[in-house]
Structure formats: C-alpha cells, structure tokens
N, C-alpha and C. Protein backbone atom coordinates (compact mmCIF):
# COMPACT_ATOMS: atom_id res chain seq x y z
N MET A 1 9.33 -44.06 59.27
CA MET A 1 8.15 -44.00 58.42
C MET A 1 7.79 -42.54 58.10
N VAL A 2 7.82 -41.66 59.08
CA VAL A 2 7.50 -40.25 58.88
C VAL A 2 8.54 -39.62 57.95
N PHE A 3 9.82 -40.03 58.14
CA PHE A 3 10.88 -39.50 57.30
C PHE A 3 10.67 -39.90 55.84
N ASN A 4 10.24 -41.12 55.59
CA ASN A 4 9.99 -41.60 54.22
C ASN A 4 8.86 -40.80 53.56
N GLU A 5 7.79 -40.52 54.32
CA GLU A 5 6.68 -39.73 53.78
C GLU A 5 7.13 -38.32 53.44
N LEU A 6 7.93 -37.73 54.34
CA LEU A 6 8.44 -36.39 54.11
C LEU A 6 9.35 -36.37 52.87
N LEU A 7 10.19 -37.38 52.73
CA LEU A 7 11.09 -37.48 51.58
C LEU A 7 10.29 -37.62 50.29
N LYS A 8 9.22 -38.42 50.31
CA LYS A 8 8.37 -38.59 49.13
C LYS A 8 7.72 -37.26 48.73
N ARG A 9 7.20 -36.54 49.74
CA ARG A 9 6.55 -35.25 49.45
C ARG A 9 7.53 -34.24 48.86
N VAL A 10 8.71 -34.16 49.47
CA VAL A 10 9.73 -33.23 48.98
C VAL A 10 10.16 -33.61 47.56
N SER A 11 10.36 -34.90 47.32
CA SER A 11 10.75 -35.37 45.98
C SER A 11 9.67 -35.04 44.96
N LYS A 12 8.42 -35.24 45.35
CA LYS A 12 7.31 -34.96 44.44
C LYS A 12 7.25 -33.47 44.12
N LYS A 13 7.40 -32.62 45.13
CA LYS A 13 7.38 -31.16 44.93
C LYS A 13 8.54 -30.72 44.04
N CYS A 14 9.74 -31.28 44.29
CA CYS A 14 10.90 -30.94 43.46
C CYS A 14 10.68 -31.37 42.01
N GLY A 15 10.14 -32.55 41.84
CA GLY A 15 9.85 -33.05 40.48
C GLY A 15 8.84 -32.16 39.77
N GLN A 16 7.78 -31.74 40.47
CA GLN A 16 6.79 -30.85 39.89
C GLN A 16 7.41 -29.50 39.52
N PHE A 17 8.28 -29.00 40.40
CA PHE A 17 8.95 -27.72 40.13
C PHE A 17 9.82 -27.82 38.89
N ILE A 18 10.61 -28.88 38.80
CA ILE A 18 11.51 -29.06 37.64
C ILE A 18 10.69 -29.24 36.37
N LEU A 19 9.65 -30.04 36.41
CA LEU A 19 8.80 -30.25 35.24
C LEU A 19 8.13 -28.95 34.81
N GLY A 20 7.64 -28.17 35.75
CA GLY A 20 7.02 -26.89 35.43
C GLY A 20 8.03 -25.91 34.84
N THR A 21 9.23 -25.89 35.39
CA THR A 21 10.28 -25.01 34.87
C THR A 21 10.63 -25.38 33.43
N VAL A 22 10.79 -26.66 33.16
CA VAL A 22 11.10 -27.12 31.79
C VAL A 22 9.94 -26.78 30.85
N ARG A 23 8.73 -27.02 31.29
CA ARG A 23 7.55 -26.76 30.47
C ARG A 23 7.47 -25.27 30.10
N TYR A 24 7.59 -24.38 31.08
CA TYR A 24 7.49 -22.95 30.80
C TYR A 24 8.71 -22.45 30.04
N GLY A 25 9.86 -23.06 30.28
CA GLY A 25 11.05 -22.72 29.50
C GLY A 25 10.85 -23.03 28.02
N CYS A 26 10.24 -24.17 27.74
CA CYS A 26 9.95 -24.55 26.34
C CYS A 26 8.95 -23.59 25.70
N ILE A 27 7.93 -23.20 26.45
CA ILE A 27 6.94 -22.25 25.92
C ILE A 27 7.60 -20.91 25.62
N ILE A 28 8.43 -20.42 26.53
CA ILE A 28 9.12 -19.14 26.32
C ILE A 28 10.04 -19.24 25.11
N HIS A 29 10.75 -20.35 24.96
CA HIS A 29 11.63 -20.54 23.80
C HIS A 29 10.84 -20.48 22.49
N VAL A 30 9.73 -21.17 22.42
CA VAL A 30 8.92 -21.18 21.20
C VAL A 30 8.40 -19.78 20.89
N VAL A 31 7.93 -19.07 21.90
CA VAL A 31 7.42 -17.71 21.69
C VAL A 31 8.53 -16.80 21.17
N LEU A 32 9.69 -16.82 21.82
CA LEU A 32 10.78 -15.92 21.42
C LEU A 32 11.38 -16.31 20.07
N GLU A 33 11.36 -17.58 19.73
CA GLU A 33 11.96 -18.03 18.47
C GLU A 33 11.02 -17.86 17.29
N HIS A 34 9.72 -18.09 17.49
CA HIS A 34 8.80 -18.16 16.36
C HIS A 34 7.76 -17.04 16.31
N LEU A 35 7.46 -16.40 17.42
CA LEU A 35 6.42 -15.37 17.41
C LEU A 35 6.99 -13.96 17.49
N GLY A 36 7.90 -13.72 18.39
CA GLY A 36 8.46 -12.38 18.52
C GLY A 36 9.38 -12.29 19.71
N ASP A 37 10.13 -11.19 19.77
CA ASP A 37 11.02 -10.99 20.89
C ASP A 37 11.35 -9.52 21.06
N PHE A 38 12.21 -9.24 22.02
CA PHE A 38 12.64 -7.89 22.32
C PHE A 38 14.09 -7.73 21.87
N VAL A 39 14.42 -6.57 21.31
CA VAL A 39 15.77 -6.30 20.83
C VAL A 39 16.19 -4.95 21.36
N ILE A 40 17.44 -4.87 21.82
CA ILE A 40 18.01 -3.59 22.24
C ILE A 40 18.87 -3.07 21.10
N CYS A 41 18.56 -1.89 20.61
CA CYS A 41 19.25 -1.31 19.46
C CYS A 41 20.61 -0.76 19.85
N SER A 42 21.53 -0.78 18.89
CA SER A 42 22.82 -0.12 19.10
C SER A 42 23.28 0.46 17.77
N GLY A 43 23.89 1.62 17.85
CA GLY A 43 24.41 2.27 16.65
C GLY A 43 23.49 3.36 16.14
N PRO A 44 24.04 4.28 15.35
CA PRO A 44 23.30 5.45 14.89
C PRO A 44 22.60 5.29 13.55
N SER A 45 22.64 4.12 12.94
CA SER A 45 22.16 3.99 11.56
C SER A 45 20.66 4.24 11.37
N MET A 46 19.86 4.08 12.41
CA MET A 46 18.41 4.28 12.27
C MET A 46 17.91 5.57 12.92
N GLU A 47 18.84 6.44 13.35
CA GLU A 47 18.41 7.71 13.92
C GLU A 47 17.80 8.57 12.83
N PRO A 48 16.77 9.32 13.06
CA PRO A 48 16.14 9.65 14.34
C PRO A 48 14.98 8.72 14.72
N THR A 49 14.78 7.62 13.98
CA THR A 49 13.68 6.72 14.30
C THR A 49 13.99 5.88 15.53
N LEU A 50 15.17 5.27 15.55
CA LEU A 50 15.62 4.43 16.66
C LEU A 50 16.99 4.92 17.14
N PHE A 51 17.17 4.93 18.44
CA PHE A 51 18.44 5.37 19.03
C PHE A 51 19.09 4.21 19.77
N THR A 52 20.38 4.32 20.03
CA THR A 52 21.10 3.33 20.82
C THR A 52 20.40 3.16 22.16
N ASN A 53 20.26 1.90 22.57
CA ASN A 53 19.61 1.48 23.82
C ASN A 53 18.10 1.55 23.79
N ASP A 54 17.48 1.91 22.66
CA ASP A 54 16.03 1.76 22.55
C ASP A 54 15.72 0.26 22.54
N THR A 55 14.68 -0.14 23.27
CA THR A 55 14.24 -1.53 23.24
C THR A 55 13.00 -1.61 22.37
N ILE A 56 13.06 -2.52 21.39
CA ILE A 56 11.95 -2.65 20.43
C ILE A 56 11.32 -4.04 20.54
N LEU A 57 10.06 -4.10 20.18
CA LEU A 57 9.33 -5.36 20.11
C LEU A 57 9.25 -5.77 18.65
N THR A 58 9.66 -7.00 18.35
CA THR A 58 9.60 -7.50 16.97
C THR A 58 8.67 -8.70 16.90
N GLU A 59 8.14 -8.92 15.72
CA GLU A 59 7.35 -10.13 15.47
C GLU A 59 8.03 -10.91 14.35
N HIS A 60 7.99 -12.25 14.44
CA HIS A 60 8.70 -13.11 13.50
C HIS A 60 7.80 -13.76 12.46
N VAL A 61 6.51 -13.48 12.49
CA VAL A 61 5.58 -14.14 11.59
C VAL A 61 5.66 -13.56 10.18
N SER A 62 5.72 -12.24 10.04
CA SER A 62 5.74 -11.61 8.72
C SER A 62 6.88 -12.09 7.84
N PRO A 63 8.13 -12.15 8.33
CA PRO A 63 9.20 -12.66 7.47
C PRO A 63 8.98 -14.12 7.04
N LYS A 64 8.42 -14.92 7.92
CA LYS A 64 8.18 -16.33 7.59
C LYS A 64 7.09 -16.48 6.53
N LEU A 65 6.14 -15.53 6.51
CA LEU A 65 5.05 -15.57 5.53
C LEU A 65 5.33 -14.70 4.30
N ASN A 66 6.57 -14.21 4.19
CA ASN A 66 6.96 -13.30 3.10
C ASN A 66 6.02 -12.11 3.00
N ASN A 67 5.70 -11.54 4.15
CA ASN A 67 4.78 -10.41 4.21
C ASN A 67 5.53 -9.15 4.66
N ILE A 68 6.68 -8.92 4.06
CA ILE A 68 7.48 -7.73 4.36
C ILE A 68 7.26 -6.74 3.22
N LYS A 69 6.99 -5.48 3.59
CA LYS A 69 6.68 -4.45 2.59
C LYS A 69 7.67 -3.30 2.69
N LYS A 70 7.70 -2.49 1.66
CA LYS A 70 8.51 -1.27 1.70
C LYS A 70 8.05 -0.42 2.88
N GLY A 71 9.02 0.14 3.58
CA GLY A 71 8.72 0.98 4.74
C GLY A 71 8.80 0.24 6.05
N ASP A 72 8.72 -1.11 6.02
CA ASP A 72 8.84 -1.88 7.26
C ASP A 72 10.26 -1.76 7.79
N ILE A 73 10.39 -1.70 9.10
CA ILE A 73 11.70 -1.77 9.74
C ILE A 73 11.88 -3.21 10.18
N VAL A 74 13.03 -3.79 9.83
CA VAL A 74 13.26 -5.20 10.10
C VAL A 74 14.57 -5.40 10.86
N VAL A 75 14.64 -6.52 11.56
CA VAL A 75 15.88 -6.99 12.16
C VAL A 75 16.32 -8.18 11.32
N ALA A 76 17.58 -8.16 10.88
CA ALA A 76 18.10 -9.21 10.02
C ALA A 76 19.49 -9.61 10.48
N ARG A 77 19.87 -10.81 10.11
CA ARG A 77 21.25 -11.23 10.33
C ARG A 77 22.10 -10.47 9.32
N SER A 78 23.21 -9.94 9.77
CA SER A 78 24.08 -9.15 8.89
C SER A 78 24.62 -10.01 7.76
N PRO A 79 24.53 -9.53 6.51
CA PRO A 79 25.08 -10.31 5.40
C PRO A 79 26.62 -10.34 5.40
N THR A 80 27.25 -9.44 6.15
CA THR A 80 28.72 -9.41 6.19
C THR A 80 29.29 -10.04 7.45
N ASN A 81 28.46 -10.19 8.50
CA ASN A 81 28.92 -10.80 9.76
C ASN A 81 27.75 -11.59 10.36
N PRO A 82 27.71 -12.90 10.11
CA PRO A 82 26.55 -13.69 10.54
C PRO A 82 26.33 -13.76 12.05
N LYS A 83 27.30 -13.30 12.84
CA LYS A 83 27.12 -13.28 14.30
C LYS A 83 26.42 -12.02 14.78
N GLN A 84 26.20 -11.09 13.86
CA GLN A 84 25.64 -9.78 14.21
C GLN A 84 24.25 -9.61 13.58
N PHE A 85 23.39 -8.88 14.28
CA PHE A 85 22.08 -8.54 13.74
C PHE A 85 22.06 -7.05 13.41
N ILE A 86 21.31 -6.69 12.37
CA ILE A 86 21.17 -5.30 11.96
C ILE A 86 19.70 -4.92 11.99
N CYS A 87 19.45 -3.65 12.16
CA CYS A 87 18.08 -3.12 12.13
C CYS A 87 18.05 -2.04 11.06
N LYS A 88 17.24 -2.26 10.02
CA LYS A 88 17.19 -1.34 8.87
C LYS A 88 15.76 -1.26 8.35
N ARG A 89 15.54 -0.27 7.49
CA ARG A 89 14.23 -0.10 6.84
C ARG A 89 14.27 -0.74 5.45
N VAL A 90 13.20 -1.42 5.08
CA VAL A 90 13.07 -1.98 3.74
C VAL A 90 12.71 -0.84 2.79
N THR A 91 13.61 -0.55 1.85
CA THR A 91 13.35 0.52 0.88
C THR A 91 13.11 -0.03 -0.51
N GLY A 92 13.32 -1.32 -0.70
CA GLY A 92 13.06 -1.94 -1.99
C GLY A 92 12.77 -3.41 -1.84
N VAL A 93 11.87 -3.91 -2.69
CA VAL A 93 11.53 -5.33 -2.72
C VAL A 93 11.84 -5.86 -4.11
N GLU A 94 11.69 -7.17 -4.30
CA GLU A 94 12.10 -7.76 -5.57
C GLU A 94 11.48 -7.03 -6.76
N GLY A 95 12.35 -6.79 -7.75
CA GLY A 95 11.92 -6.10 -8.97
C GLY A 95 12.13 -4.60 -8.94
N ASP A 96 12.33 -4.02 -7.76
CA ASP A 96 12.55 -2.57 -7.67
C ASP A 96 13.94 -2.21 -8.19
N LYS A 97 14.04 -1.06 -8.82
CA LYS A 97 15.33 -0.54 -9.29
C LYS A 97 15.85 0.42 -8.24
N MET A 98 17.04 0.13 -7.73
CA MET A 98 17.65 0.94 -6.68
C MET A 98 18.91 1.61 -7.23
N CYS A 99 19.22 2.77 -6.70
CA CYS A 99 20.41 3.52 -7.12
C CYS A 99 21.37 3.66 -5.95
N PRO A 100 22.27 2.67 -5.77
CA PRO A 100 23.20 2.76 -4.65
C PRO A 100 24.29 3.80 -4.86
N GLY A 101 24.55 4.15 -6.10
CA GLY A 101 25.57 5.16 -6.40
C GLY A 101 24.99 6.19 -7.35
N PHE A 102 25.85 7.03 -7.87
CA PHE A 102 25.39 8.08 -8.76
C PHE A 102 25.10 7.56 -10.16
N ILE A 103 25.80 6.52 -10.59
CA ILE A 103 25.70 6.07 -11.97
C ILE A 103 24.92 4.77 -12.10
N SER A 104 25.25 3.78 -11.27
CA SER A 104 24.70 2.43 -11.45
C SER A 104 23.28 2.30 -10.90
N GLN A 105 22.59 1.30 -11.44
CA GLN A 105 21.27 0.92 -10.95
C GLN A 105 21.30 -0.57 -10.66
N VAL A 106 20.65 -0.97 -9.58
CA VAL A 106 20.58 -2.39 -9.21
C VAL A 106 19.12 -2.77 -9.15
N VAL A 107 18.78 -3.90 -9.77
CA VAL A 107 17.43 -4.44 -9.65
C VAL A 107 17.45 -5.46 -8.52
N VAL A 108 16.55 -5.30 -7.57
CA VAL A 108 16.48 -6.23 -6.43
C VAL A 108 16.00 -7.58 -6.96
N PRO A 109 16.83 -8.63 -6.82
CA PRO A 109 16.44 -9.94 -7.35
C PRO A 109 15.35 -10.61 -6.53
N ARG A 110 14.78 -11.65 -7.11
CA ARG A 110 13.75 -12.43 -6.45
C ARG A 110 14.31 -13.00 -5.14
N GLY A 111 13.51 -12.94 -4.09
CA GLY A 111 13.91 -13.49 -2.80
C GLY A 111 14.84 -12.58 -2.01
N HIS A 112 14.91 -11.30 -2.38
CA HIS A 112 15.78 -10.35 -1.71
C HIS A 112 15.02 -9.07 -1.39
N VAL A 113 15.58 -8.28 -0.49
CA VAL A 113 15.07 -6.94 -0.18
C VAL A 113 16.26 -5.98 -0.15
N TRP A 114 15.95 -4.71 -0.26
CA TRP A 114 16.96 -3.66 -0.18
C TRP A 114 16.78 -2.96 1.15
N LEU A 115 17.81 -2.95 1.99
CA LEU A 115 17.72 -2.38 3.33
C LEU A 115 18.60 -1.14 3.43
N GLU A 116 18.06 -0.10 4.04
CA GLU A 116 18.82 1.12 4.27
C GLU A 116 18.49 1.66 5.66
N GLY A 117 19.50 2.28 6.28
CA GLY A 117 19.29 2.96 7.55
C GLY A 117 18.67 4.32 7.32
N ASP A 118 17.89 4.80 8.26
CA ASP A 118 17.28 6.13 8.14
C ASP A 118 18.33 7.23 8.18
N ASN A 119 19.43 6.97 8.86
CA ASN A 119 20.53 7.93 8.94
C ASN A 119 21.49 7.61 7.79
N ARG A 120 21.14 8.02 6.60
CA ARG A 120 21.85 7.63 5.38
C ARG A 120 23.34 7.97 5.41
N ASN A 121 23.73 9.03 6.11
CA ASN A 121 25.14 9.42 6.15
C ASN A 121 25.96 8.59 7.14
N ASN A 122 25.30 7.78 7.97
CA ASN A 122 26.02 7.00 8.97
C ASN A 122 25.42 5.60 9.07
N SER A 123 25.33 4.92 7.93
CA SER A 123 24.72 3.60 7.90
C SER A 123 25.43 2.71 6.88
N SER A 124 25.79 1.53 7.33
CA SER A 124 26.28 0.50 6.41
C SER A 124 25.07 -0.36 6.07
N ASP A 125 24.68 -0.37 4.80
CA ASP A 125 23.45 -1.03 4.41
C ASP A 125 23.55 -1.58 2.99
N SER A 126 22.45 -1.80 2.33
CA SER A 126 22.45 -2.38 0.99
C SER A 126 23.22 -1.54 -0.02
N ARG A 127 23.41 -0.28 0.26
CA ARG A 127 24.23 0.54 -0.63
C ARG A 127 25.68 0.07 -0.60
N ASN A 128 26.07 -0.61 0.50
CA ASN A 128 27.42 -1.15 0.63
C ASN A 128 27.50 -2.62 0.23
N TYR A 129 26.53 -3.43 0.69
CA TYR A 129 26.62 -4.87 0.48
C TYR A 129 25.55 -5.43 -0.44
N GLY A 130 24.72 -4.60 -1.04
CA GLY A 130 23.76 -5.07 -2.03
C GLY A 130 22.49 -5.63 -1.43
N PRO A 131 21.65 -6.24 -2.27
CA PRO A 131 20.38 -6.80 -1.80
C PRO A 131 20.61 -7.90 -0.75
N VAL A 132 19.68 -8.00 0.18
CA VAL A 132 19.78 -8.96 1.28
C VAL A 132 18.75 -10.07 1.08
N PRO A 133 19.17 -11.33 1.16
CA PRO A 133 18.21 -12.43 1.04
C PRO A 133 17.15 -12.38 2.14
N VAL A 134 15.90 -12.64 1.77
CA VAL A 134 14.83 -12.60 2.77
C VAL A 134 15.03 -13.66 3.85
N GLY A 135 15.81 -14.69 3.57
CA GLY A 135 16.11 -15.71 4.56
C GLY A 135 16.90 -15.18 5.74
N LEU A 136 17.53 -14.02 5.58
CA LEU A 136 18.28 -13.42 6.69
C LEU A 136 17.40 -12.55 7.58
N LEU A 137 16.16 -12.29 7.16
CA LEU A 137 15.27 -11.46 7.97
C LEU A 137 14.81 -12.25 9.19
N ARG A 138 14.94 -11.64 10.35
CA ARG A 138 14.57 -12.29 11.62
C ARG A 138 13.20 -11.84 12.10
N GLY A 139 12.91 -10.54 11.98
CA GLY A 139 11.65 -10.05 12.49
C GLY A 139 11.34 -8.66 11.97
N ARG A 140 10.07 -8.30 12.10
CA ARG A 140 9.61 -6.96 11.72
C ARG A 140 9.36 -6.18 13.00
N VAL A 141 9.87 -4.96 13.05
CA VAL A 141 9.74 -4.13 14.24
C VAL A 141 8.31 -3.62 14.36
N LEU A 142 7.72 -3.81 15.53
CA LEU A 142 6.36 -3.33 15.78
C LEU A 142 6.35 -1.98 16.50
N CYS A 143 7.16 -1.88 17.56
CA CYS A 143 7.13 -0.65 18.34
C CYS A 143 8.36 -0.51 19.22
N ILE A 144 8.57 0.72 19.65
CA ILE A 144 9.59 1.00 20.66
C ILE A 144 8.89 0.91 22.01
N ILE A 145 9.45 0.12 22.93
CA ILE A 145 8.79 -0.03 24.23
C ILE A 145 9.59 0.58 25.37
N TRP A 146 10.87 0.89 25.12
CA TRP A 146 11.69 1.50 26.17
C TRP A 146 12.76 2.35 25.54
N PRO A 147 13.08 3.48 26.04
CA PRO A 147 12.49 4.16 27.20
C PRO A 147 11.09 4.69 26.87
N PHE A 148 10.30 4.89 27.89
CA PHE A 148 8.92 5.32 27.68
C PHE A 148 8.84 6.65 26.94
N SER A 149 9.87 7.48 27.05
CA SER A 149 9.84 8.77 26.34
C SER A 149 9.93 8.58 24.82
N HIS A 150 10.39 7.39 24.36
CA HIS A 150 10.46 7.08 22.92
C HIS A 150 9.34 6.17 22.47
N LEU A 151 8.42 5.82 23.36
CA LEU A 151 7.34 4.88 23.05
C LEU A 151 6.66 5.27 21.76
N ALA A 152 6.64 4.35 20.78
CA ALA A 152 6.02 4.65 19.48
C ALA A 152 5.69 3.36 18.76
N LEU A 153 4.61 3.39 18.01
CA LEU A 153 4.24 2.31 17.11
C LEU A 153 4.96 2.54 15.80
N LEU A 154 5.66 1.54 15.29
CA LEU A 154 6.43 1.69 14.04
C LEU A 154 5.79 0.82 12.96
N THR A 155 5.18 1.47 12.00
CA THR A 155 4.54 0.73 10.90
C THR A 155 5.12 1.20 9.59
N GLU A 156 4.69 0.59 8.50
CA GLU A 156 5.19 0.95 7.19
C GLU A 156 4.82 2.39 6.82
N HIS A 157 3.92 3.01 7.54
CA HIS A 157 3.51 4.38 7.25
C HIS A 157 4.46 5.40 7.87
N ASN A 158 5.40 4.94 8.71
CA ASN A 158 6.33 5.84 9.38
C ASN A 158 7.64 6.01 8.62
N GLU A 159 7.60 6.02 7.32
CA GLU A 159 8.83 6.13 6.52
C GLU A 159 9.53 7.44 6.83
N ALA A 160 10.87 7.35 6.87
CA ALA A 160 11.67 8.55 7.15
C ALA A 160 11.79 9.42 5.92
C-alpha cells in the first residue's frame, strides 16, 4: 500500500514536470518564432556596424506589419541560398531608384526592399542579386547585446 502511494506521487510529479516542460517549450517557441530572437553574426559585410560573433537581438513584428524603413538593419533569408540568413541594411524601399552599377538604374518593385552591407567593398547584397522580397525578411535588428564592449542600440538613425 505504501509503495502504491509512493508510485502515484512520483508519477504525478513526473507528469507535472513533463507538462510544465512542454508548456514552457511552447511559449519559448512562440516567442522566438513570432516576437524576436537572438542571432550571432558572421562575415564582414556589416562592418564596422556589426562584427563576426556579435550577438544581436531582433524583433519579428515589424516585417510582419510591413513596417520596415530605410536605414533599418534586417535579418533575411538569403535570396540565393534559402538555408542561409543574411544581415543587411535597408537602403531602398518600393519605388526607390537604385544604382547597382555605373550605368543602370533599378526601381525597387512593390513588395521588395534593397539590401546592402555597410562594408560595401566586401558584401554580397542587392547590388549582386537585386531587390529582395519582403517575405524573406525575418526580423529587424534592435541592438547588439554581446560582447558588452559592442553594446549598442541600432535604429534607423544609425545609417553608415
């Protein structure tokens, strides 16, 4: 009889633990998928604003509400490699005339943005692959949170 009571208590505690773990796992998933997340940068394309191994905080609400403006730094799925994410600055929005080369001009079509790295000499961006559909935008960068020596708020006013 004592063994049965002990087994019931242990089973109940295990069930509560599993249910709590699933519940908090679902909450974390929703937050990271729909509200914002952390991204570790790699590559020199956004230097001197962002460096390799900088950890940034992004929010996912602005792209979903089409509230992306010129000067915003965004994380997007790469238009040339869908398994990769890129971090670039929005330098043009729909209707803007962009000059990717010396001669030609490109008008950013509806539902697209023009993305460029701050390190123009070492960046593969819209100058290479053209306007990027807003559907590929994952999040807008809010700030650098790591390393603390790079801690900075990144807004549309911080244009390079």
